[in-house]
C-alpha atoms as a PDB file:
ATOM      1  CA  MET A   1      -6.767  -6.788 -19.321  1.00  0.00           C
ATOM      2  CA  GLY A   2      -3.607  -9.183 -19.221  1.00  0.00           C
ATOM      3  CA  ARG A   3      -2.902 -11.624 -15.724  1.00  0.00           C
ATOM      4  CA  TYR A   4      -0.332  -8.828 -14.763  1.00  0.00           C
ATOM      5  CA  GLU A   5      -3.301  -6.452 -14.221  1.00  0.00           C
ATOM      6  CA  GLU A   6      -5.201  -9.586 -13.059  1.00  0.00           C
ATOM      7  CA  PHE A   7      -3.584 -10.721 -10.214  1.00  0.00           C
ATOM      8  CA  VAL A   8      -3.016  -7.148  -8.722  1.00  0.00           C
ATOM      9  CA  LYS A   9      -6.784  -6.601  -8.730  1.00  0.00           C
ATOM     10  CA  PHE A  10      -7.432  -9.912  -7.955  1.00  0.00           C
ATOM     11  CA  ARG A  11      -5.320  -9.304  -4.663  1.00  0.00           C
ATOM     12  CA  GLN A  12      -6.014  -6.412  -3.249  1.00  0.00           C
ATOM     13  CA  GLU A  13      -9.586  -7.477  -3.358  1.00  0.00           C
ATOM     14  CA  MET A  14      -9.019 -10.065  -1.755  1.00  0.00           C
ATOM     15  CA  ASN A  15      -7.160  -8.954   0.787  1.00  0.00           C
ATOM     16  CA  LYS A  16      -9.280  -6.056   1.077  1.00  0.00           C
ATOM     17  CA  LYS A  17     -12.224  -8.644   2.677  1.00  0.00           C
ATOM     18  CA  ILE A  18      -9.852 -10.511   4.205  1.00  0.00           C
ATOM     19  CA  LEU A  19      -8.303  -7.905   6.519  1.00  0.00           C
ATOM     20  CA  GLN A  20     -11.941  -6.758   6.846  1.00  0.00           C
ATOM     21  CA  GLN A  21     -13.117  -9.432   8.102  1.00  0.00           C
ATOM     22  CA  GLY A  22     -10.384 -12.235   9.127  1.00  0.00           C
ATOM     23  CA  PRO A  23      -9.819 -12.529  12.814  1.00  0.00           C
ATOM     24  CA  LEU A  24      -7.303 -10.865  15.088  1.00  0.00           C
ATOM     25  CA  GLU A  25      -4.959 -14.030  14.513  1.00  0.00           C
ATOM     26  CA  ILE A  26      -5.199 -13.619   9.966  1.00  0.00           C
ATOM     27  CA  LYS A  27      -4.304 -10.410  10.135  1.00  0.00           C
ATOM     28  CA  ARG A  28      -1.167 -10.148  12.425  1.00  0.00           C
ATOM     29  CA  PHE A  29       0.186 -12.696   9.935  1.00  0.00           C
ATOM     30  CA  PHE A  30      -0.063 -10.351   7.395  1.00  0.00           C
ATOM     31  CA  GLY A  31       0.935  -7.998   9.630  1.00  0.00           C
ATOM     32  CA  LEU A  32       4.300 -10.098  10.173  1.00  0.00           C
ATOM     33  CA  ASP A  33       4.865 -10.921   6.616  1.00  0.00           C
ATOM     34  CA  GLU A  34       5.260  -7.046   6.333  1.00  0.00           C
ATOM     35  CA  GLN A  35       6.783  -6.395   7.979  1.00  0.00           C
ATOM     36  CA  THR A  36       9.585  -9.163   7.034  1.00  0.00           C
ATOM     37  CA  TYR A  37      10.241  -7.657   4.055  1.00  0.00           C
ATOM     38  CA  LYS A  38      11.284  -4.383   5.181  1.00  0.00           C
ATOM     39  CA  ALA A  39      14.690  -3.809   5.099  1.00  0.00           C
ATOM     40  CA  GLY A  40      17.008  -4.428   8.346  1.00  0.00           C
ATOM     41  CA  ALA A  41      20.305  -6.193   8.110  1.00  0.00           C
ATOM     42  CA  LEU A  42      18.977  -7.092   4.249  1.00  0.00           C
ATOM     43  CA  ASP A  43      17.662  -4.863   2.394  1.00  0.00           C
ATOM     44  CA  GLU A  44      13.814  -4.817   0.388  1.00  0.00           C
ATOM     45  CA  LYS A  45      15.236  -6.488  -2.983  1.00  0.00           C
ATOM     46  CA  THR A  46      18.025  -9.015  -1.119  1.00  0.00           C
ATOM     47  CA  LYS A  47      14.281  -9.826   1.052  1.00  0.00           C
ATOM     48  CA  GLU A  48      12.485 -10.238  -1.549  1.00  0.00           C
ATOM     49  CA  LEU A  49      14.600 -12.059  -4.182  1.00  0.00           C
ATOM     50  CA  LEU A  50      14.545 -14.398  -1.050  1.00  0.00           C
ATOM     51  CA  GLY A  51      10.767 -14.579  -0.906  1.00  0.00           C
ATOM     52  CA  LEU A  52      11.545 -15.104  -4.826  1.00  0.00           C
ATOM     53  CA  VAL A  53      13.415 -18.685  -4.305  1.00  0.00           C
ATOM     54  CA  ALA A  54      11.016 -20.254  -1.326  1.00  0.00           C
ATOM     55  CA  SER A  55       7.802 -19.152  -3.569  1.00  0.00           C
ATOM     56  CA  MET A  56       9.501 -20.923  -6.495  1.00  0.00           C
ATOM     57  CA  VAL A  57      10.675 -24.371  -4.443  1.00  0.00           C
ATOM     58  CA  LEU A  58       7.594 -24.766  -2.683  1.00  0.00           C
ATOM     59  CA  ARG A  59       5.866 -23.933  -5.748  1.00  0.00           C
ATOM     60  CA  CYS A  60       3.070 -21.026  -5.579  1.00  0.00           C
ATOM     61  CA  ASP A  61       2.340 -19.357  -8.831  1.00  0.00           C
ATOM     62  CA  ASP A  62       0.781 -16.249  -7.253  1.00  0.00           C
ATOM     63  CA  CYS A  63       3.844 -15.437  -4.538  1.00  0.00           C
ATOM     64  CA  ILE A  64       6.213 -16.162  -7.591  1.00  0.00           C
ATOM     65  CA  SER A  65       4.192 -13.337  -8.975  1.00  0.00           C
ATOM     66  CA  TYR A  66       3.507 -10.823  -6.052  1.00  0.00           C
ATOM     67  CA  HIS A  67       8.174 -11.374  -5.422  1.00  0.00           C
ATOM     68  CA  ILE A  68       8.881 -10.950  -8.791  1.00  0.00           C
ATOM     69  CA  ILE A  69       6.929  -7.401  -8.908  1.00  0.00           C
ATOM     70  CA  GLN A  70       8.227  -6.935  -5.922  1.00  0.00           C
ATOM     71  CA  ALA A  71      11.943  -7.117  -6.807  1.00  0.00           C
ATOM     72  CA  LEU A  72      11.327  -5.063  -9.865  1.00  0.00           C
ATOM     73  CA  GLU A  73       9.494  -2.438  -8.080  1.00  0.00           C
ATOM     74  CA  LYS A  74      12.714  -2.345  -5.092  1.00  0.00           C
ATOM     75  CA  GLY A  75      15.649  -1.866  -8.484  1.00  0.00           C
ATOM     76  CA  ALA A  76      15.660  -5.590  -8.972  1.00  0.00           C
ATOM     77  CA  LYS A  77      17.216  -6.569 -12.791  1.00  0.00           C
ATOM     78  CA  ARG A  78      16.476  -9.162 -15.641  1.00  0.00           C
ATOM     79  CA  GLU A  79      20.058 -11.019 -14.594  1.00  0.00           C
ATOM     80  CA  GLU A  80      19.547 -10.608 -10.579  1.00  0.00           C
ATOM     81  CA  LEU A  81      16.334 -12.213 -11.469  1.00  0.00           C
ATOM     82  CA  PHE A  82      17.921 -15.038 -13.725  1.00  0.00           C
ATOM     83  CA  GLU A  83      20.569 -16.510 -11.251  1.00  0.00           C
ATOM     84  CA  THR A  84      17.894 -16.235  -8.898  1.00  0.00           C
ATOM     85  CA  PHE A  85      15.420 -18.471 -10.365  1.00  0.00           C
ATOM     86  CA  SER A  86      18.976 -20.256 -10.877  1.00  0.00           C
ATOM     87  CA  ILE A  87      19.330 -21.463  -7.226  1.00  0.00           C
ATOM     88  CA  ALA A  88      15.647 -22.032  -6.751  1.00  0.00           C
ATOM     89  CA  LEU A  89      15.877 -24.788  -9.989  1.00  0.00           C
ATOM     90  CA  ILE A  90      19.702 -25.749  -7.693  1.00  0.00           C
ATOM     91  CA  VAL A  91      17.399 -26.162  -4.654  1.00  0.00           C
ATOM     92  CA  GLY A  92      14.130 -27.208  -5.644  1.00  0.00           C
ATOM     93  CA  GLY A  93      14.858 -29.317  -8.662  1.00  0.00           C
ATOM     94  CA  SER A  94      13.242 -30.208 -11.989  1.00  0.00           C
ATOM     95  CA  ILE A  95       9.344 -30.203 -10.451  1.00  0.00           C
ATOM     96  CA  VAL A  96      11.021 -25.767 -10.967  1.00  0.00           C
ATOM     97  CA  ILE A  97      10.703 -25.931 -14.290  1.00  0.00           C
ATOM     98  CA  PRO A  98       6.679 -25.639 -15.317  1.00  0.00           C
ATOM     99  CA  HIS A  99       6.535 -22.328 -12.613  1.00  0.00           C
ATOM    100  CA  LEU A 100      10.519 -21.408 -14.220  1.00  0.00           C
ATOM    101  CA  ARG A 101       8.406 -20.589 -17.416  1.00  0.00           C
ATOM    102  CA  ARG A 102       5.291 -19.435 -15.461  1.00  0.00           C
ATOM    103  CA  ALA A 103       7.847 -16.866 -13.517  1.00  0.00           C
ATOM    104  CA  VAL A 104       9.927 -15.722 -17.160  1.00  0.00           C
ATOM    105  CA  ALA A 105       6.179 -15.324 -19.287  1.00  0.00           C
ATOM    106  CA  PHE A 106       5.429 -13.191 -15.977  1.00  0.00           C
ATOM    107  CA  LEU A 107       9.000 -11.131 -16.143  1.00  0.00           C
ATOM    108  CA  GLU A 108       8.088 -11.317 -20.397  1.00  0.00           C
ATOM    109  CA  GLU A 109       5.120  -8.598 -19.891  1.00  0.00           C
ATOM    110  CA  LEU A 110       5.732  -6.706 -16.749  1.00  0.00           C
ATOM    111  CA  GLU A 111       9.391  -5.459 -19.212  1.00  0.00           C
ATOM    112  CA  ASN A 112       6.932  -5.276 -21.558  1.00  0.00           C
ATOM    113  CA  LYS A 113       4.473  -3.058 -19.946  1.00  0.00           C
ATOM    114  CA  GLN A 114       7.201  -1.062 -19.004  1.00  0.00           C
ATOM    115  CA  LYS A 115       8.406  -0.470 -22.809  1.00  0.00           C
ATOM    116  CA  GLU A 116       4.788   0.907 -23.027  1.00  0.00           C
END
């Protein structure tokens, strides 16, 4: 099982447990997160790319992976992702570089999956 499959499986399993067992505050936060990324004045792809920048600057590899998946599903192209990576690097500085490496490796894994 590749990183993508492991990530998706773990995320789905844990989100299910959290939402079944968690208090109302957790459920509301998850709901707010879902609503925030729906189209409004900004389209969904743009919102995912913004989430990707924030995730890279905050150095959250799980969030980076999630937003890469979502951005691709919303139609983002490789060039758009790399411009997004550039913004994250400028905003976050060199501390973002290790996360940039993992982001590019994850993107390449997803691209290879699409070719299969």
